[in-house]
């Protein structure tokens, strides 16, 4: 009889395992999202117009669900941060890579739920300066950023969506820092800090504090490692 009672208790305890997993608390909400990138320092170019080219076929790769699409965010960055203030010439903004992929990891099972995932974001953009009657390219700059994040086995759909949004946010924060750095380093002759169309960027350049960058008001003296 004691043996039968022991087996009965064990059998009754089995269904509690999935319930315990299912009762795991939801992750905290993400920090409030600043709508767009207008709060960052605008990059004023000494050109008459700025064109934002549509991505070429194959450049955008997005594995759904994707609450934040990298191609949409890159275009928003260009619209909000690049400002034409010149009287001639034009600039062209090109999305060279906008990739968000989910890679399912080995694992999962009866009690652990859906297998984990590795989320990867790859971003690359290019700005070209075009001049003359034939719009010849006279200068260009490129910027890249990449971030990844792993979602554990058994994560809820809400957790997976949160991770997908967060990894794109992190990649865009890194891209904004790298984009501004490369613009100031390579296209310095076409940047203007004031409202005068033909005024070159002064040295040193005052920059706004960006995530992962130098504090606001720190003179820009060169690239990393200089």
Protein backbone atom coordinates (compact mmCIF):
# COMPACT_ATOMS: atom_id res chain seq x y z
CA UNK A 1 0.00 0.00 0.00
CA UNK A 2 2.74 2.59 0.80
CA UNK A 3 4.31 1.83 -2.57
CA UNK A 4 1.01 2.46 -4.38
CA UNK A 5 0.55 5.79 -2.58
CA UNK A 6 4.10 6.79 -3.57
CA UNK A 7 3.48 5.99 -7.25
CA UNK A 8 0.20 7.86 -7.19
CA UNK A 9 1.88 10.99 -5.81
CA UNK A 10 4.55 10.77 -8.51
CA UNK A 11 1.96 10.39 -11.26
CA UNK A 12 -0.05 13.33 -9.97
CA UNK A 13 3.08 15.48 -9.88
CA UNK A 14 4.02 14.97 -13.53
CA UNK A 15 1.48 17.37 -15.09
CA UNK A 16 2.70 20.14 -12.80
CA UNK A 17 6.01 20.50 -14.67
CA UNK A 18 4.63 22.15 -17.83
CA UNK A 19 2.37 24.33 -15.68
CA UNK A 20 5.37 25.54 -13.73
CA UNK A 21 7.17 26.42 -16.96
CA UNK A 22 4.11 28.19 -18.34
CA UNK A 23 3.81 30.35 -15.23
CA UNK A 24 7.22 31.99 -15.77
CA UNK A 25 6.91 35.79 -15.46
CA UNK A 26 6.81 37.86 -18.63
CA UNK A 27 9.88 40.02 -19.35
CA UNK A 28 9.67 43.70 -18.37
CA UNK A 29 8.54 46.10 -21.10
CA UNK A 30 11.13 47.76 -23.30
CA UNK A 31 12.16 51.33 -22.58
CA UNK A 32 10.00 53.90 -24.38
CA UNK A 33 10.94 54.14 -28.05
CA UNK A 34 11.90 57.56 -29.33
CA UNK A 35 9.96 57.93 -32.56
CA UNK A 36 12.61 58.31 -35.21
CA UNK A 37 16.02 59.95 -34.98
CA UNK A 38 15.30 63.68 -35.05
CA UNK A 39 16.62 63.97 -31.48
CA UNK A 40 20.13 63.21 -32.79
CA UNK A 41 22.48 65.78 -34.33
CA UNK A 42 21.44 66.53 -37.93
CA UNK A 43 24.12 66.03 -40.57
CA UNK A 44 23.92 69.05 -42.89
CA UNK A 45 25.37 68.40 -46.32
CA UNK A 46 26.52 71.11 -48.71
CA UNK A 47 24.35 69.78 -51.55
CA UNK A 48 21.12 70.95 -53.14
CA UNK A 49 19.26 67.66 -52.80
CA UNK A 50 19.50 64.25 -51.12
CA UNK A 51 18.05 61.17 -52.80
CA UNK A 52 17.15 58.05 -50.85
CA UNK A 53 17.45 55.14 -53.24
CA UNK A 54 15.10 52.14 -52.90
CA UNK A 55 17.04 49.00 -51.91
CA UNK A 56 18.12 46.72 -54.73
CA UNK A 57 16.62 43.20 -54.91
CA UNK A 58 18.22 40.89 -52.36
CA UNK A 59 19.50 43.69 -50.13
CA UNK A 60 16.61 43.38 -47.64
CA UNK A 61 16.21 40.04 -45.88
CA UNK A 62 13.69 39.90 -43.04
CA UNK A 63 12.46 36.78 -41.24
CA UNK A 64 9.03 37.42 -39.77
CA UNK A 65 7.80 38.18 -37.22
CA UNK A 66 9.82 41.40 -37.17
CA UNK A 67 8.25 44.17 -35.06
CA UNK A 68 10.97 46.59 -36.28
CA UNK A 69 12.18 46.22 -39.87
CA UNK A 70 15.82 47.26 -40.38
CA UNK A 71 15.19 48.63 -43.88
CA UNK A 72 12.43 50.91 -42.58
CA UNK A 73 14.64 52.15 -39.74
CA UNK A 74 17.59 52.85 -42.05
CA UNK A 75 15.41 54.91 -44.36
CA UNK A 76 13.98 56.76 -41.36
CA UNK A 77 17.52 57.51 -40.16
CA UNK A 78 18.40 59.07 -43.52
CA UNK A 79 15.19 61.12 -43.66
CA UNK A 80 15.63 62.44 -40.14
CA UNK A 81 19.39 63.07 -40.02
CA UNK A 82 20.56 64.08 -43.51
CA UNK A 83 19.75 67.71 -44.35
CA UNK A 84 20.65 69.41 -47.68
CA UNK A 85 21.64 73.08 -47.29
CA UNK A 86 23.74 73.68 -50.43
CA UNK A 87 23.06 75.38 -53.75
CA UNK A 88 24.29 72.70 -56.14
CA UNK A 89 25.14 69.03 -56.38
CA UNK A 90 23.33 66.19 -54.72
CA UNK A 91 23.87 63.28 -52.37
CA UNK A 92 22.55 59.77 -52.67
CA UNK A 93 21.76 57.51 -49.70
CA UNK A 94 21.90 53.79 -50.45
CA UNK A 95 20.87 50.88 -48.23
CA UNK A 96 23.48 48.21 -48.97
CA UNK A 97 22.35 45.63 -46.41
CA UNK A 98 19.28 45.35 -44.17
CA UNK A 99 19.14 41.85 -42.74
CA UNK A 100 17.18 40.42 -39.82
CA UNK A 101 17.24 36.63 -39.60
CA UNK A 102 16.13 34.02 -37.07
CA UNK A 103 18.21 30.85 -36.75
CA UNK A 104 16.55 28.04 -34.81
CA UNK A 105 18.88 26.39 -32.34
CA UNK A 106 19.01 22.69 -31.50
CA UNK A 107 16.95 21.86 -28.42
CA UNK A 108 13.38 21.99 -27.30
CA UNK A 109 11.29 19.10 -26.13
CA UNK A 110 8.17 18.06 -24.25
CA UNK A 111 8.91 20.18 -21.21
CA UNK A 112 11.21 22.89 -22.58
CA UNK A 113 8.85 24.16 -25.28
CA UNK A 114 9.93 25.70 -28.58
CA UNK A 115 13.66 25.60 -29.39
CA UNK A 116 15.74 28.70 -28.84
CA UNK A 117 16.65 31.16 -31.59
CA UNK A 118 19.62 33.27 -32.56
CA UNK A 119 18.55 36.68 -33.87
CA UNK A 120 21.01 38.51 -36.10
CA UNK A 121 20.84 42.03 -37.54
CA UNK A 122 23.26 43.26 -40.22
CA UNK A 123 23.15 46.84 -41.50
CA UNK A 124 25.16 48.68 -44.14
CA UNK A 125 24.59 52.03 -45.84
CA UNK A 126 26.45 54.28 -48.25
CA UNK A 127 26.30 58.02 -48.96
CA UNK A 128 27.57 59.25 -52.33
CA UNK A 129 28.28 62.86 -53.34
CA UNK A 130 27.43 63.56 -56.98
CA UNK A 131 28.59 66.66 -58.83
CA UNK A 132 28.76 68.10 -62.33
CA UNK A 133 26.37 67.89 -65.28
CA UNK A 134 26.85 64.13 -65.49
CA UNK A 135 26.35 63.62 -61.74
CA UNK A 136 29.74 61.96 -61.35
CA UNK A 137 30.51 60.47 -57.96
CA UNK A 138 33.21 62.59 -56.34
CA UNK A 139 33.13 61.16 -52.81
CA UNK A 140 31.40 58.47 -50.80
CA UNK A 141 31.30 56.98 -47.31
CA UNK A 142 30.10 53.64 -45.93
CA UNK A 143 28.95 52.58 -42.47
CA UNK A 144 28.13 49.15 -41.07
CA UNK A 145 26.72 47.73 -37.85
CA UNK A 146 25.81 44.28 -36.59
CA UNK A 147 24.15 42.92 -33.46
CA UNK A 148 22.88 39.50 -32.37
CA UNK A 149 20.89 38.06 -29.49
CA UNK A 150 19.95 34.55 -28.34
CA UNK A 151 16.47 33.54 -27.18
CA UNK A 152 16.38 30.59 -24.77
CA UNK A 153 14.41 27.37 -25.22
CA UNK A 154 10.79 27.64 -24.18
CA UNK A 155 10.59 31.42 -24.51
CA UNK A 156 7.07 32.76 -24.89
CA UNK A 157 5.95 34.52 -28.09
CA UNK A 158 6.00 37.83 -26.20
CA UNK A 159 9.61 37.25 -25.14
CA UNK A 160 10.62 36.44 -28.71
CA UNK A 161 8.97 39.58 -30.07
CA UNK A 162 10.64 41.66 -27.38
CA UNK A 163 14.05 40.21 -28.25
CA UNK A 164 13.47 40.83 -31.98
CA UNK A 165 12.64 44.47 -31.35
CA UNK A 166 15.50 44.95 -28.90
CA UNK A 167 18.20 43.57 -31.20
CA UNK A 168 17.12 45.90 -34.03
CA UNK A 169 17.17 48.83 -31.61
CA UNK A 170 20.70 47.94 -30.52
CA UNK A 171 21.84 47.63 -34.14
CA UNK A 172 20.34 51.02 -35.03
CA UNK A 173 21.98 52.68 -32.04
CA UNK A 174 25.32 51.29 -33.17
CA UNK A 175 24.61 52.34 -36.77
CA UNK A 176 23.81 55.93 -35.80
CA UNK A 177 27.09 56.23 -33.90
CA UNK A 178 29.12 54.68 -36.73
CA UNK A 179 27.25 56.60 -39.44
CA UNK A 180 27.97 59.97 -37.82
CA UNK A 181 31.60 59.08 -37.16
CA UNK A 182 32.22 57.98 -40.76
CA UNK A 183 30.40 61.02 -42.18
CA UNK A 184 32.48 63.43 -40.12
CA UNK A 185 35.72 61.64 -40.92
CA UNK A 186 35.28 61.02 -44.66
CA UNK A 187 32.84 63.70 -45.87
CA UNK A 188 34.12 66.55 -43.70
CA UNK A 189 34.50 68.86 -46.72
CA UNK A 190 30.77 68.48 -47.52
CA UNK A 191 29.48 68.95 -43.98
CA UNK A 192 28.33 72.30 -42.63
CA UNK A 193 27.51 72.92 -38.98
CA UNK A 194 25.76 76.26 -39.45
CA UNK A 195 23.05 77.44 -41.81
CA UNK A 196 25.42 79.01 -44.36
CA UNK A 197 25.33 76.77 -47.44
CA UNK A 198 29.04 76.84 -48.31
CA UNK A 199 30.48 76.88 -44.79
CA UNK A 200 32.80 73.90 -44.18
CA UNK A 201 32.60 72.02 -40.92
CA UNK A 202 34.75 73.68 -38.25
CA UNK A 203 37.54 71.90 -36.42
CA UNK A 204 37.07 70.63 -33.77
CA UNK A 205 33.48 69.49 -34.37
CA UNK A 206 30.98 69.55 -31.54
CA UNK A 207 28.94 66.35 -31.36
CA UNK A 208 25.81 65.37 -29.45
CA UNK A 209 26.11 62.54 -26.94
CA UNK A 210 25.09 59.27 -28.60
CA UNK A 211 24.78 55.78 -27.07
CA UNK A 212 28.27 54.34 -27.03
CA UNK A 213 29.85 57.60 -28.24
CA UNK A 214 31.82 60.42 -26.64
CA UNK A 215 29.96 62.89 -24.35
CA UNK A 216 28.43 65.94 -25.94
CA UNK A 217 30.86 68.79 -26.36
CA UNK A 218 33.90 66.56 -26.74
CA UNK A 219 36.04 67.73 -29.68
CA UNK A 220 36.20 65.22 -32.51
CA UNK A 221 39.85 64.45 -33.19
CA UNK A 222 39.77 61.31 -35.30
CA UNK A 223 38.73 57.68 -35.45
CA UNK A 224 39.04 55.05 -32.75
CA UNK A 225 42.57 54.30 -31.75
CA UNK A 226 43.95 57.72 -32.78
